[in-house]
Amino acid sequence: MKLTHLLACIPLACLGFAAQAEEVDFAKVNEILKANACLACHTVDNKVVGPAYKDVAAKYKGDPANAELLAKHIREGSSGVWGPVPMPPQAHLSDENLKTVVSWIMAGAPN
C-alpha cells in the first residue's frame, strides 16, 4: 500500500472511532420515555407488559438495519414480536425523539 493511500485513510478511521464513542444521554432518553408513557409498559432491565429495553437491545444488536425496524415498530406499533400483547403505535413521537430512543436501544440501552 502506498504511503499516500495510508495517510488518506487515517482521518476516515478517526471519524469512525469518534462516531462509535458518541453516547446517547440517558437523562434525555429517560425524559422522552417518561413524557410518552413508555415506562408504563417497559423498563430498562425488567419485563413489565413489554420487554425490557436491554432485551430489545440484545435481540437487535449487531445489525444497523435493525434501527429502522425498531423505529417502524415504535412508530406504527407491532404484534407478535414479543408475545401476544401488541405494541400500540406511538405516531405522536417526534422524529428527533424517535431517533434518540432507537439510538439508545441500539447502543445497548445503557443507564
C-alpha atoms as a PDB file:
ATOM      1  CA  MET A   1       0.000   0.000   0.000  1.00  0.00           C
ATOM      2  CA  LYS A   2       1.314   3.416  -0.854  1.00  0.00           C
ATOM      3  CA  LEU A   3       2.016   5.776   1.991  1.00  0.00           C
ATOM      4  CA  THR A   4      -0.297   8.400   0.472  1.00  0.00           C
ATOM      5  CA  HIS A   5      -3.209   5.939   0.498  1.00  0.00           C
ATOM      6  CA  LEU A   6      -2.485   5.048   4.095  1.00  0.00           C
ATOM      7  CA  LEU A   7      -2.327   8.703   5.114  1.00  0.00           C
ATOM      8  CA  ALA A   8      -5.618   9.389   3.344  1.00  0.00           C
ATOM      9  CA  CYS A   9      -7.316   6.641   5.369  1.00  0.00           C
ATOM     10  CA  ILE A  10      -6.243   7.900   8.804  1.00  0.00           C
ATOM     11  CA  PRO A  11      -8.825  10.734   9.044  1.00  0.00           C
ATOM     12  CA  LEU A  12     -11.599   8.362   7.974  1.00  0.00           C
ATOM     13  CA  ALA A  13     -10.609   5.840  10.632  1.00  0.00           C
ATOM     14  CA  CYS A  14     -10.565   8.572  13.283  1.00  0.00           C
ATOM     15  CA  LEU A  15     -14.054   9.688  12.281  1.00  0.00           C
ATOM     16  CA  GLY A  16     -15.299   6.125  12.678  1.00  0.00           C
ATOM     17  CA  PHE A  17     -13.894   5.873  16.183  1.00  0.00           C
ATOM     18  CA  ALA A  18     -15.374   9.243  17.123  1.00  0.00           C
ATOM     19  CA  ALA A  19     -18.824   8.146  15.929  1.00  0.00           C
ATOM     20  CA  GLN A  20     -18.563   4.930  17.917  1.00  0.00           C
ATOM     21  CA  ALA A  21     -17.549   6.789  21.058  1.00  0.00           C
ATOM     22  CA  GLU A  22     -20.586   9.095  20.902  1.00  0.00           C
ATOM     23  CA  GLU A  23     -23.059   8.096  23.576  1.00  0.00           C
ATOM     24  CA  VAL A  24     -26.725   8.804  23.911  1.00  0.00           C
ATOM     25  CA  ASP A  25     -27.540  10.766  27.072  1.00  0.00           C
ATOM     26  CA  PHE A  26     -29.675   8.503  29.291  1.00  0.00           C
ATOM     27  CA  ALA A  27     -31.152  11.504  31.118  1.00  0.00           C
ATOM     28  CA  LYS A  28     -32.552  12.776  27.807  1.00  0.00           C
ATOM     29  CA  VAL A  29     -33.825   9.317  26.857  1.00  0.00           C
ATOM     30  CA  ASN A  30     -35.421   8.856  30.274  1.00  0.00           C
ATOM     31  CA  GLU A  31     -37.165  12.211  29.864  1.00  0.00           C
ATOM     32  CA  ILE A  32     -38.572  11.082  26.495  1.00  0.00           C
ATOM     33  CA  LEU A  33     -39.662   7.715  27.919  1.00  0.00           C
ATOM     34  CA  LYS A  34     -41.443   9.357  30.863  1.00  0.00           C
ATOM     35  CA  ALA A  35     -43.109  12.056  28.751  1.00  0.00           C
ATOM     36  CA  ASN A  36     -44.532   9.481  26.339  1.00  0.00           C
ATOM     37  CA  ALA A  37     -45.672   6.892  28.926  1.00  0.00           C
ATOM     38  CA  CYS A  38     -43.219   4.294  27.584  1.00  0.00           C
ATOM     39  CA  LEU A  39     -42.320   3.329  31.151  1.00  0.00           C
ATOM     40  CA  ALA A  40     -45.884   2.153  31.753  1.00  0.00           C
ATOM     41  CA  CYS A  41     -45.055  -0.989  29.746  1.00  0.00           C
ATOM     42  CA  HIS A  42     -41.238  -1.105  29.635  1.00  0.00           C
ATOM     43  CA  THR A  43     -38.275  -0.683  31.971  1.00  0.00           C
ATOM     44  CA  VAL A  44     -34.583  -0.754  31.219  1.00  0.00           C
ATOM     45  CA  ASP A  45     -33.806  -4.028  32.987  1.00  0.00           C
ATOM     46  CA  ASN A  46     -37.027  -5.995  33.572  1.00  0.00           C
ATOM     47  CA  LYS A  47     -40.003  -7.157  31.531  1.00  0.00           C
ATOM     48  CA  VAL A  48     -43.260  -5.484  32.565  1.00  0.00           C
ATOM     49  CA  VAL A  49     -46.017  -5.644  29.931  1.00  0.00           C
ATOM     50  CA  GLY A  50     -43.478  -5.319  27.143  1.00  0.00           C
ATOM     51  CA  PRO A  51     -39.872  -6.458  27.053  1.00  0.00           C
ATOM     52  CA  ALA A  52     -37.049  -4.745  28.928  1.00  0.00           C
ATOM     53  CA  TYR A  53     -35.136  -2.289  26.778  1.00  0.00           C
ATOM     54  CA  LYS A  54     -31.924  -4.273  27.415  1.00  0.00           C
ATOM     55  CA  ASP A  55     -33.641  -7.388  25.998  1.00  0.00           C
ATOM     56  CA  VAL A  56     -34.705  -5.463  22.905  1.00  0.00           C
ATOM     57  CA  ALA A  57     -31.147  -4.153  22.548  1.00  0.00           C
ATOM     58  CA  ALA A  58     -29.719  -7.671  22.826  1.00  0.00           C
ATOM     59  CA  LYS A  59     -32.121  -9.016  20.208  1.00  0.00           C
ATOM     60  CA  TYR A  60     -31.366  -6.315  17.642  1.00  0.00           C
ATOM     61  CA  LYS A  61     -27.653  -5.622  18.274  1.00  0.00           C
ATOM     62  CA  GLY A  62     -25.064  -6.043  15.594  1.00  0.00           C
ATOM     63  CA  ASP A  63     -27.123  -5.097  12.547  1.00  0.00           C
ATOM     64  CA  PRO A  64     -27.579  -1.360  11.875  1.00  0.00           C
ATOM     65  CA  ALA A  65     -30.596  -2.157   9.665  1.00  0.00           C
ATOM     66  CA  ASN A  66     -32.437  -3.116  12.839  1.00  0.00           C
ATOM     67  CA  ALA A  67     -32.580   0.547  13.852  1.00  0.00           C
ATOM     68  CA  GLU A  68     -35.029   1.177  11.019  1.00  0.00           C
ATOM     69  CA  LEU A  69     -37.081  -1.863  12.052  1.00  0.00           C
ATOM     70  CA  LEU A  70     -37.239  -0.679  15.676  1.00  0.00           C
ATOM     71  CA  ALA A  71     -38.273   2.793  14.582  1.00  0.00           C
ATOM     72  CA  LYS A  72     -41.048   1.276  12.475  1.00  0.00           C
ATOM     73  CA  HIS A  73     -42.260  -0.903  15.378  1.00  0.00           C
ATOM     74  CA  ILE A  74     -42.333   2.107  17.683  1.00  0.00           C
ATOM     75  CA  ARG A  75     -43.972   4.474  15.190  1.00  0.00           C
ATOM     76  CA  GLU A  76     -46.534   2.035  13.733  1.00  0.00           C
ATOM     77  CA  GLY A  77     -46.884  -0.468  16.581  1.00  0.00           C
ATOM     78  CA  SER A  78     -46.356  -4.203  16.244  1.00  0.00           C
ATOM     79  CA  SER A  79     -47.891  -7.502  17.221  1.00  0.00           C
ATOM     80  CA  GLY A  80     -46.456 -10.939  17.897  1.00  0.00           C
ATOM     81  CA  VAL A  81     -42.825  -9.819  18.098  1.00  0.00           C
ATOM     82  CA  TRP A  82     -42.517 -10.306  21.868  1.00  0.00           C
ATOM     83  CA  GLY A  83     -45.608 -12.383  22.530  1.00  0.00           C
ATOM     84  CA  PRO A  84     -49.347 -11.883  22.237  1.00  0.00           C
ATOM     85  CA  VAL A  85     -49.556  -8.364  23.723  1.00  0.00           C
ATOM     86  CA  PRO A  86     -49.438  -5.795  20.890  1.00  0.00           C
ATOM     87  CA  MET A  87     -47.253  -2.708  20.974  1.00  0.00           C
ATOM     88  CA  PRO A  88     -49.531   0.273  20.328  1.00  0.00           C
ATOM     89  CA  PRO A  89     -48.358   2.808  17.737  1.00  0.00           C
ATOM     90  CA  GLN A  90     -46.510   5.851  19.009  1.00  0.00           C
ATOM     91  CA  ALA A  91     -47.211   8.068  15.997  1.00  0.00           C
ATOM     92  CA  HIS A  92     -47.106  11.216  18.158  1.00  0.00           C
ATOM     93  CA  LEU A  93     -43.392  10.734  18.956  1.00  0.00           C
ATOM     94  CA  SER A  94     -41.288  13.344  17.148  1.00  0.00           C
ATOM     95  CA  ASP A  95     -38.732  12.146  14.607  1.00  0.00           C
ATOM     96  CA  GLU A  96     -35.918  13.524  16.783  1.00  0.00           C
ATOM     97  CA  ASN A  97     -37.147  11.742  19.925  1.00  0.00           C
ATOM     98  CA  LEU A  98     -37.712   8.522  17.991  1.00  0.00           C
ATOM     99  CA  LYS A  99     -34.157   8.659  16.645  1.00  0.00           C
ATOM    100  CA  THR A 100     -32.781   9.329  20.148  1.00  0.00           C
ATOM    101  CA  VAL A 101     -34.622   6.370  21.683  1.00  0.00           C
ATOM    102  CA  VAL A 102     -33.696   3.989  18.863  1.00  0.00           C
ATOM    103  CA  SER A 103     -30.038   5.078  19.020  1.00  0.00           C
ATOM    104  CA  TRP A 104     -30.056   4.431  22.760  1.00  0.00           C
ATOM    105  CA  ILE A 105     -31.565   0.959  22.319  1.00  0.00           C
ATOM    106  CA  MET A 106     -29.091   0.113  19.547  1.00  0.00           C
ATOM    107  CA  ALA A 107     -26.272   1.214  21.901  1.00  0.00           C
ATOM    108  CA  GLY A 108     -27.396  -1.467  24.379  1.00  0.00           C
ATOM    109  CA  ALA A 109     -29.855   0.622  26.442  1.00  0.00           C
ATOM    110  CA  PRO A 110     -27.210   1.827  28.920  1.00  0.00           C
ATOM    111  CA  ASN A 111     -28.383   3.614  32.049  1.00  0.00           C
END
